[in-house]
Amino acid sequence: LKKLENNLTLKRTAFYHKLQTGIEISEIEKLEKQWNKVLPDDLKKLYLWKNGQPEKEYEAFVNNSMMIPLQQALEIAQNLTAMIGKDFDRENWWHQSWIPLFHNGGGDYICYDLEGVFTGQKGQILKHYHNYEARNVLAPSLEVFLESLNT
């Protein structure tokens, strides 16, 4: 995260300053309780660093996607989980262990996988498409994903 912060401040200065300040650990704990989720340390560190982008800030953080604030990410995850077996009848169209970190505004997400659904690798980062079956694993961990952004 330190390297990412350095890169953003040097190469995308205006964008970096539009990111929301990090969330407090007490707020993370409150959200974990509210949404009945236990967040791993690496995910907490991401949100302690920056709590996503403001609602009206559309500049992409990664690829064509914006970073989702934690409260909103957990709400989206719960809403999509509630659709399993109803609107989502295909296996692994959405999984309850996925937390969307980035979105493109069109229903596609880059997600943190709490369980490692496809590979057994907890913390892997995957792509969820709203209208396409593929669920590509983008990185085996958040650290590797962030390092690829730095590269």
N, C-alpha and C. Protein backbone atom coordinates (compact mmCIF):
# COMPACT_ATOMS: atom_id res chain seq x y z
N LEU A 1 0.81 -1.20 0.00
CA LEU A 1 0.00 0.00 0.00
C LEU A 1 0.85 1.26 0.00
N LYS A 2 1.97 1.20 0.70
CA LYS A 2 2.86 2.36 0.72
C LYS A 2 3.38 2.64 -0.69
N LYS A 3 3.77 1.58 -1.39
CA LYS A 3 4.26 1.73 -2.76
C LYS A 3 3.14 2.25 -3.67
N LEU A 4 1.94 1.72 -3.50
CA LEU A 4 0.81 2.18 -4.30
C LEU A 4 0.54 3.65 -4.03
N GLU A 5 0.57 4.03 -2.78
CA GLU A 5 0.36 5.43 -2.42
C GLU A 5 1.42 6.31 -3.08
N ASN A 6 2.66 5.90 -3.02
CA ASN A 6 3.74 6.67 -3.66
C ASN A 6 3.50 6.79 -5.17
N ASN A 7 3.14 5.68 -5.80
CA ASN A 7 2.89 5.70 -7.25
C ASN A 7 1.71 6.60 -7.60
N LEU A 8 0.65 6.51 -6.83
CA LEU A 8 -0.52 7.34 -7.11
C LEU A 8 -0.23 8.82 -6.89
N THR A 9 0.50 9.13 -5.82
CA THR A 9 0.79 10.55 -5.57
C THR A 9 1.71 11.12 -6.64
N LEU A 10 2.58 10.29 -7.21
CA LEU A 10 3.48 10.76 -8.26
C LEU A 10 2.83 10.79 -9.64
N LYS A 11 2.08 9.74 -9.97
CA LYS A 11 1.59 9.57 -11.33
C LYS A 11 0.13 9.96 -11.54
N ARG A 12 -0.64 9.97 -10.47
CA ARG A 12 -2.07 10.30 -10.56
C ARG A 12 -2.45 11.18 -9.38
N THR A 13 -1.75 12.27 -9.23
CA THR A 13 -1.87 13.13 -8.05
C THR A 13 -3.29 13.60 -7.80
N ALA A 14 -3.94 14.15 -8.80
CA ALA A 14 -5.31 14.66 -8.62
C ALA A 14 -6.26 13.54 -8.22
N PHE A 15 -6.13 12.39 -8.87
CA PHE A 15 -6.97 11.24 -8.53
C PHE A 15 -6.73 10.79 -7.09
N TYR A 16 -5.47 10.67 -6.71
CA TYR A 16 -5.14 10.23 -5.35
C TYR A 16 -5.82 11.12 -4.30
N HIS A 17 -5.83 12.41 -4.52
CA HIS A 17 -6.40 13.33 -3.54
C HIS A 17 -7.93 13.30 -3.52
N LYS A 18 -8.53 12.66 -4.51
CA LYS A 18 -9.98 12.50 -4.52
C LYS A 18 -10.43 11.24 -3.78
N LEU A 19 -9.50 10.32 -3.50
CA LEU A 19 -9.86 9.12 -2.74
C LEU A 19 -10.27 9.51 -1.33
N GLN A 20 -11.22 8.76 -0.77
CA GLN A 20 -11.67 9.04 0.58
C GLN A 20 -10.62 8.59 1.59
N THR A 21 -10.53 9.32 2.68
CA THR A 21 -9.59 8.93 3.73
C THR A 21 -9.95 7.55 4.26
N GLY A 22 -8.98 6.92 4.87
CA GLY A 22 -9.19 5.58 5.42
C GLY A 22 -10.25 5.56 6.50
N ILE A 23 -10.86 4.42 6.64
CA ILE A 23 -11.89 4.22 7.66
C ILE A 23 -11.19 3.83 8.97
N GLU A 24 -11.77 4.17 10.08
CA GLU A 24 -11.21 3.82 11.39
C GLU A 24 -11.48 2.35 11.70
N ILE A 25 -10.58 1.74 12.45
CA ILE A 25 -10.74 0.32 12.82
C ILE A 25 -12.04 0.09 13.59
N SER A 26 -12.43 1.04 14.41
CA SER A 26 -13.69 0.89 15.16
C SER A 26 -14.89 0.85 14.21
N GLU A 27 -14.82 1.60 13.11
CA GLU A 27 -15.89 1.57 12.12
C GLU A 27 -15.89 0.25 11.35
N ILE A 28 -14.71 -0.27 11.06
CA ILE A 28 -14.62 -1.59 10.42
C ILE A 28 -15.26 -2.64 11.31
N GLU A 29 -14.94 -2.62 12.59
CA GLU A 29 -15.50 -3.59 13.53
C GLU A 29 -17.02 -3.46 13.61
N LYS A 30 -17.51 -2.25 13.59
CA LYS A 30 -18.96 -2.00 13.61
C LYS A 30 -19.60 -2.59 12.35
N LEU A 31 -18.97 -2.37 11.19
CA LEU A 31 -19.51 -2.91 9.93
C LEU A 31 -19.44 -4.43 9.90
N GLU A 32 -18.37 -5.01 10.44
CA GLU A 32 -18.28 -6.47 10.50
C GLU A 32 -19.45 -7.05 11.29
N LYS A 33 -19.75 -6.42 12.39
CA LYS A 33 -20.86 -6.88 13.23
C LYS A 33 -22.20 -6.68 12.51
N GLN A 34 -22.38 -5.50 11.92
CA GLN A 34 -23.62 -5.17 11.22
C GLN A 34 -23.90 -6.14 10.08
N TRP A 35 -22.86 -6.48 9.31
CA TRP A 35 -23.04 -7.31 8.12
C TRP A 35 -22.66 -8.77 8.36
N ASN A 36 -22.31 -9.11 9.60
CA ASN A 36 -21.97 -10.49 9.99
C ASN A 36 -20.86 -11.06 9.11
N LYS A 37 -19.79 -10.28 8.97
CA LYS A 37 -18.61 -10.68 8.20
C LYS A 37 -17.38 -10.45 9.06
N VAL A 38 -16.41 -11.33 8.93
CA VAL A 38 -15.10 -11.13 9.54
C VAL A 38 -14.13 -10.86 8.41
N LEU A 39 -13.57 -9.67 8.41
CA LEU A 39 -12.67 -9.28 7.34
C LEU A 39 -11.24 -9.64 7.69
N PRO A 40 -10.50 -10.22 6.75
CA PRO A 40 -9.10 -10.53 7.01
C PRO A 40 -8.26 -9.25 7.10
N ASP A 41 -7.10 -9.39 7.71
CA ASP A 41 -6.24 -8.24 7.97
C ASP A 41 -5.86 -7.47 6.72
N ASP A 42 -5.55 -8.16 5.62
CA ASP A 42 -5.14 -7.44 4.42
C ASP A 42 -6.26 -6.57 3.86
N LEU A 43 -7.48 -7.05 3.96
CA LEU A 43 -8.62 -6.27 3.49
C LEU A 43 -8.87 -5.08 4.41
N LYS A 44 -8.72 -5.31 5.70
CA LYS A 44 -8.86 -4.20 6.66
C LYS A 44 -7.81 -3.13 6.38
N LYS A 45 -6.58 -3.55 6.11
CA LYS A 45 -5.51 -2.58 5.84
C LYS A 45 -5.82 -1.74 4.61
N LEU A 46 -6.41 -2.36 3.58
CA LEU A 46 -6.78 -1.61 2.38
C LEU A 46 -7.73 -0.48 2.75
N TYR A 47 -8.76 -0.81 3.55
CA TYR A 47 -9.76 0.19 3.90
C TYR A 47 -9.29 1.14 5.00
N LEU A 48 -8.33 0.74 5.78
CA LEU A 48 -7.71 1.69 6.72
C LEU A 48 -6.90 2.73 5.94
N TRP A 49 -6.36 2.30 4.79
CA TRP A 49 -5.58 3.19 3.93
C TRP A 49 -6.50 4.19 3.22
N LYS A 50 -7.46 3.69 2.48
CA LYS A 50 -8.42 4.52 1.74
C LYS A 50 -9.77 3.81 1.73
N ASN A 51 -10.83 4.59 1.95
CA ASN A 51 -12.18 4.02 1.97
C ASN A 51 -12.91 4.29 0.66
N GLY A 52 -12.28 3.89 -0.42
CA GLY A 52 -12.91 3.98 -1.72
C GLY A 52 -12.96 5.39 -2.29
N GLN A 53 -13.82 5.53 -3.27
CA GLN A 53 -13.99 6.79 -3.98
C GLN A 53 -15.33 7.40 -3.62
N PRO A 54 -15.43 8.73 -3.66
CA PRO A 54 -16.73 9.37 -3.46
C PRO A 54 -17.72 8.90 -4.52
N GLU A 55 -18.98 8.98 -4.18
CA GLU A 55 -20.04 8.47 -5.06
C GLU A 55 -20.02 9.10 -6.45
N LYS A 56 -19.70 10.35 -6.57
CA LYS A 56 -19.73 11.04 -7.86
C LYS A 56 -18.36 11.12 -8.52
N GLU A 57 -17.39 10.34 -8.06
CA GLU A 57 -16.05 10.32 -8.64
C GLU A 57 -15.94 9.09 -9.54
N TYR A 58 -15.92 9.31 -10.85
CA TYR A 58 -16.01 8.20 -11.80
C TYR A 58 -14.69 7.80 -12.44
N GLU A 59 -13.60 8.45 -12.08
CA GLU A 59 -12.32 8.08 -12.66
C GLU A 59 -11.93 6.68 -12.19
N ALA A 60 -11.48 5.86 -13.10
CA ALA A 60 -11.15 4.47 -12.77
C ALA A 60 -9.94 4.38 -11.87
N PHE A 61 -10.04 3.50 -10.90
CA PHE A 61 -8.91 3.18 -10.03
C PHE A 61 -8.07 2.10 -10.69
N VAL A 62 -8.74 1.07 -11.18
CA VAL A 62 -8.08 -0.04 -11.87
C VAL A 62 -8.95 -0.46 -13.06
N ASN A 63 -8.31 -0.71 -14.19
CA ASN A 63 -9.03 -1.04 -15.43
C ASN A 63 -10.11 0.03 -15.65
N ASN A 64 -11.36 -0.35 -15.74
CA ASN A 64 -12.43 0.63 -15.88
C ASN A 64 -13.29 0.68 -14.62
N SER A 65 -12.69 0.38 -13.47
CA SER A 65 -13.45 0.23 -12.24
C SER A 65 -13.02 1.20 -11.14
N MET A 66 -14.01 1.61 -10.35
CA MET A 66 -13.80 2.50 -9.23
C MET A 66 -13.78 1.70 -7.93
N MET A 67 -13.06 2.22 -6.92
CA MET A 67 -12.98 1.55 -5.62
C MET A 67 -14.25 1.84 -4.81
N ILE A 68 -14.82 0.79 -4.26
CA ILE A 68 -16.07 0.87 -3.52
C ILE A 68 -15.79 1.10 -2.04
N PRO A 69 -16.43 2.08 -1.40
CA PRO A 69 -16.31 2.23 0.05
C PRO A 69 -16.80 0.97 0.77
N LEU A 70 -16.23 0.69 1.92
CA LEU A 70 -16.50 -0.58 2.61
C LEU A 70 -17.98 -0.78 2.93
N GLN A 71 -18.65 0.21 3.47
CA GLN A 71 -20.08 0.08 3.79
C GLN A 71 -20.87 -0.34 2.55
N GLN A 72 -20.60 0.31 1.45
CA GLN A 72 -21.29 0.01 0.20
C GLN A 72 -20.91 -1.38 -0.31
N ALA A 73 -19.65 -1.76 -0.19
CA ALA A 73 -19.20 -3.08 -0.64
C ALA A 73 -19.93 -4.19 0.11
N LEU A 74 -20.06 -4.05 1.42
CA LEU A 74 -20.74 -5.07 2.21
C LEU A 74 -22.23 -5.11 1.91
N GLU A 75 -22.80 -3.96 1.64
CA GLU A 75 -24.21 -3.90 1.26
C GLU A 75 -24.45 -4.57 -0.09
N ILE A 76 -23.59 -4.29 -1.06
CA ILE A 76 -23.70 -4.93 -2.37
C ILE A 76 -23.56 -6.44 -2.23
N ALA A 77 -22.58 -6.87 -1.45
CA ALA A 77 -22.36 -8.31 -1.24
C ALA A 77 -23.60 -8.98 -0.67
N GLN A 78 -24.21 -8.34 0.31
CA GLN A 78 -25.42 -8.92 0.92
C GLN A 78 -26.57 -8.95 -0.08
N ASN A 79 -26.74 -7.88 -0.83
CA ASN A 79 -27.82 -7.85 -1.82
C ASN A 79 -27.65 -8.93 -2.88
N LEU A 80 -26.42 -9.10 -3.36
CA LEU A 80 -26.18 -10.14 -4.37
C LEU A 80 -26.31 -11.53 -3.77
N THR A 81 -25.88 -11.70 -2.54
CA THR A 81 -26.03 -13.00 -1.86
C THR A 81 -27.50 -13.37 -1.72
N ALA A 82 -28.35 -12.38 -1.45
CA ALA A 82 -29.78 -12.63 -1.32
C ALA A 82 -30.42 -13.10 -2.63
N MET A 83 -29.74 -12.87 -3.73
CA MET A 83 -30.27 -13.27 -5.04
C MET A 83 -29.91 -14.71 -5.41
N ILE A 84 -29.04 -15.34 -4.62
CA ILE A 84 -28.65 -16.73 -4.90
C ILE A 84 -29.89 -17.63 -4.77
N GLY A 85 -30.11 -18.47 -5.78
CA GLY A 85 -31.25 -19.38 -5.77
C GLY A 85 -32.54 -18.75 -6.27
N LYS A 86 -32.52 -17.46 -6.48
CA LYS A 86 -33.69 -16.74 -7.01
C LYS A 86 -33.32 -16.21 -8.39
N ASP A 87 -32.71 -15.04 -8.40
CA ASP A 87 -32.26 -14.47 -9.67
C ASP A 87 -31.01 -15.17 -10.19
N PHE A 88 -30.19 -15.65 -9.28
CA PHE A 88 -28.95 -16.36 -9.64
C PHE A 88 -29.18 -17.84 -9.40
N ASP A 89 -29.43 -18.58 -10.48
CA ASP A 89 -29.67 -20.01 -10.32
C ASP A 89 -28.52 -20.87 -10.81
N ARG A 90 -27.49 -20.25 -11.38
CA ARG A 90 -26.31 -20.99 -11.80
C ARG A 90 -25.33 -21.07 -10.64
N GLU A 91 -24.67 -22.21 -10.52
CA GLU A 91 -23.69 -22.39 -9.45
C GLU A 91 -22.56 -21.38 -9.61
N ASN A 92 -22.21 -20.76 -8.52
CA ASN A 92 -21.12 -19.78 -8.45
C ASN A 92 -21.33 -18.55 -9.34
N TRP A 93 -22.61 -18.24 -9.67
CA TRP A 93 -22.85 -16.97 -10.35
C TRP A 93 -22.46 -15.85 -9.40
N TRP A 94 -22.84 -16.02 -8.16
CA TRP A 94 -22.39 -15.17 -7.06
C TRP A 94 -22.18 -16.08 -5.87
N HIS A 95 -21.22 -15.76 -5.01
CA HIS A 95 -20.96 -16.56 -3.83
C HIS A 95 -20.97 -15.66 -2.61
N GLN A 96 -21.51 -16.18 -1.54
CA GLN A 96 -21.65 -15.39 -0.30
C GLN A 96 -20.31 -14.95 0.31
N SER A 97 -19.22 -15.55 -0.11
CA SER A 97 -17.91 -15.18 0.44
C SER A 97 -17.22 -14.08 -0.36
N TRP A 98 -17.86 -13.56 -1.39
CA TRP A 98 -17.24 -12.53 -2.22
C TRP A 98 -17.62 -11.14 -1.72
N ILE A 99 -16.63 -10.27 -1.67
CA ILE A 99 -16.86 -8.87 -1.32
C ILE A 99 -16.35 -8.03 -2.48
N PRO A 100 -17.23 -7.28 -3.13
CA PRO A 100 -16.79 -6.45 -4.24
C PRO A 100 -15.94 -5.28 -3.75
N LEU A 101 -14.77 -5.11 -4.34
CA LEU A 101 -13.86 -4.00 -3.98
C LEU A 101 -13.91 -2.88 -5.01
N PHE A 102 -14.12 -3.25 -6.27
CA PHE A 102 -14.14 -2.30 -7.37
C PHE A 102 -15.34 -2.61 -8.26
N HIS A 103 -15.92 -1.58 -8.88
CA HIS A 103 -17.05 -1.79 -9.79
C HIS A 103 -16.92 -0.85 -10.98
N ASN A 104 -17.56 -1.26 -12.07
CA ASN A 104 -17.51 -0.42 -13.29
C ASN A 104 -18.80 0.36 -13.51
N GLY A 105 -19.71 0.28 -12.56
CA GLY A 105 -20.97 1.00 -12.69
C GLY A 105 -22.00 0.26 -13.52
N GLY A 106 -21.63 -0.87 -14.09
CA GLY A 106 -22.54 -1.64 -14.94
C GLY A 106 -22.86 -3.01 -14.39
N GLY A 107 -22.55 -3.25 -13.11
CA GLY A 107 -22.87 -4.53 -12.50
C GLY A 107 -21.73 -5.54 -12.51
N ASP A 108 -20.55 -5.12 -12.90
CA ASP A 108 -19.37 -6.00 -12.90
C ASP A 108 -18.46 -5.58 -11.74
N TYR A 109 -17.85 -6.57 -11.08
CA TYR A 109 -17.08 -6.30 -9.88
C TYR A 109 -15.74 -7.04 -9.89
N ILE A 110 -14.77 -6.43 -9.25
CA ILE A 110 -13.53 -7.12 -8.87
C ILE A 110 -13.70 -7.40 -7.39
N CYS A 111 -13.65 -8.68 -7.03
CA CYS A 111 -14.03 -9.12 -5.69
C CYS A 111 -12.89 -9.76 -4.91
N TYR A 112 -12.98 -9.63 -3.62
CA TYR A 112 -12.12 -10.33 -2.67
C TYR A 112 -12.89 -11.59 -2.28
N ASP A 113 -12.26 -12.74 -2.37
CA ASP A 113 -12.90 -14.03 -2.07
C ASP A 113 -12.45 -14.51 -0.69
N LEU A 114 -13.34 -14.43 0.28
CA LEU A 114 -13.01 -14.83 1.65
C LEU A 114 -12.71 -16.31 1.79
N GLU A 115 -13.26 -17.15 0.89
CA GLU A 115 -13.13 -18.60 1.03
C GLU A 115 -12.23 -19.26 -0.01
N GLY A 116 -11.97 -18.63 -1.12
CA GLY A 116 -11.20 -19.27 -2.18
C GLY A 116 -12.03 -20.27 -2.94
N VAL A 117 -13.17 -19.83 -3.44
CA VAL A 117 -14.18 -20.70 -4.04
C VAL A 117 -13.62 -21.62 -5.13
N PHE A 118 -12.87 -21.11 -6.06
CA PHE A 118 -12.44 -21.92 -7.20
C PHE A 118 -11.12 -22.64 -6.98
N THR A 119 -10.25 -22.07 -6.18
CA THR A 119 -8.90 -22.60 -6.05
C THR A 119 -8.54 -23.07 -4.64
N GLY A 120 -9.36 -22.72 -3.67
CA GLY A 120 -9.03 -23.00 -2.28
C GLY A 120 -8.13 -21.92 -1.68
N GLN A 121 -7.75 -20.93 -2.47
CA GLN A 121 -6.86 -19.85 -2.03
C GLN A 121 -7.70 -18.72 -1.45
N LYS A 122 -7.83 -18.69 -0.13
CA LYS A 122 -8.56 -17.61 0.52
C LYS A 122 -7.87 -16.29 0.23
N GLY A 123 -8.67 -15.26 -0.02
CA GLY A 123 -8.12 -13.95 -0.30
C GLY A 123 -7.81 -13.69 -1.76
N GLN A 124 -8.12 -14.66 -2.61
CA GLN A 124 -7.87 -14.43 -4.05
C GLN A 124 -8.78 -13.30 -4.55
N ILE A 125 -8.36 -12.69 -5.62
CA ILE A 125 -9.12 -11.61 -6.24
C ILE A 125 -9.68 -12.13 -7.56
N LEU A 126 -10.98 -11.97 -7.74
CA LEU A 126 -11.62 -12.48 -8.95
C LEU A 126 -12.52 -11.45 -9.59
N LYS A 127 -12.86 -11.70 -10.82
CA LYS A 127 -13.73 -10.81 -11.59
C LYS A 127 -15.12 -11.43 -11.69
N HIS A 128 -16.13 -10.67 -11.30
CA HIS A 128 -17.52 -11.09 -11.43
C HIS A 128 -18.17 -10.24 -12.53
N TYR A 129 -18.68 -10.93 -13.54
CA TYR A 129 -19.39 -10.27 -14.62
C TYR A 129 -20.89 -10.46 -14.40
N HIS A 130 -21.67 -9.44 -14.60
CA HIS A 130 -23.11 -9.55 -14.36
C HIS A 130 -23.83 -10.37 -15.42
N ASN A 131 -23.24 -10.49 -16.61
CA ASN A 131 -23.94 -11.19 -17.70
C ASN A 131 -23.06 -12.18 -18.46
N TYR A 132 -22.01 -12.63 -17.80
CA TYR A 132 -21.08 -13.56 -18.44
C TYR A 132 -20.63 -14.57 -17.39
N GLU A 133 -20.60 -15.84 -17.73
CA GLU A 133 -20.35 -16.90 -16.77
C GLU A 133 -18.95 -16.93 -16.18
N ALA A 134 -17.95 -16.50 -16.92
CA ALA A 134 -16.57 -16.62 -16.44
C ALA A 134 -16.38 -15.86 -15.14
N ARG A 135 -15.65 -16.46 -14.23
CA ARG A 135 -15.25 -15.85 -12.96
C ARG A 135 -13.74 -16.00 -12.86
N ASN A 136 -13.04 -15.16 -13.59
CA ASN A 136 -11.59 -15.27 -13.68
C ASN A 136 -10.91 -14.84 -12.39
N VAL A 137 -9.97 -15.65 -11.93
CA VAL A 137 -9.15 -15.26 -10.79
C VAL A 137 -8.06 -14.33 -11.34
N LEU A 138 -8.04 -13.10 -10.85
CA LEU A 138 -7.08 -12.10 -11.32
C LEU A 138 -5.75 -12.17 -10.59
N ALA A 139 -5.80 -12.58 -9.31
CA ALA A 139 -4.59 -12.66 -8.50
C ALA A 139 -4.84 -13.61 -7.33
N PRO A 140 -3.80 -14.29 -6.87
CA PRO A 140 -3.97 -15.22 -5.76
C PRO A 140 -4.16 -14.54 -4.41
N SER A 141 -3.90 -13.23 -4.36
CA SER A 141 -4.05 -12.49 -3.09
C SER A 141 -4.21 -11.01 -3.39
N LEU A 142 -4.66 -10.28 -2.39
CA LEU A 142 -4.76 -8.83 -2.52
C LEU A 142 -3.38 -8.21 -2.68
N GLU A 143 -2.40 -8.75 -1.98
CA GLU A 143 -1.03 -8.23 -2.10
C GLU A 143 -0.52 -8.35 -3.53
N VAL A 144 -0.70 -9.49 -4.14
CA VAL A 144 -0.27 -9.70 -5.52
C VAL A 144 -1.04 -8.79 -6.47
N PHE A 145 -2.33 -8.63 -6.23
CA PHE A 145 -3.15 -7.74 -7.05
C PHE A 145 -2.63 -6.30 -6.97
N LEU A 146 -2.36 -5.83 -5.76
CA LEU A 146 -1.86 -4.46 -5.59
C LEU A 146 -0.47 -4.31 -6.18
N GLU A 147 0.34 -5.34 -6.08
CA GLU A 147 1.68 -5.28 -6.68
C GLU A 147 1.57 -5.18 -8.20
N SER A 148 0.59 -5.87 -8.78
CA SER A 148 0.41 -5.75 -10.24
C SER A 148 -0.01 -4.34 -10.61
N LEU A 149 -0.79 -3.68 -9.78
CA LEU A 149 -1.13 -2.28 -10.04
C LEU A 149 0.12 -1.40 -9.99
N ASN A 150 0.98 -1.69 -9.04
CA ASN A 150 2.23 -0.92 -8.92
C ASN A 150 3.12 -1.13 -10.14
N THR A 151 3.14 -2.33 -10.64
CA THR A 151 3.96 -2.63 -11.81
C THR A 151 3.44 -1.90 -13.02
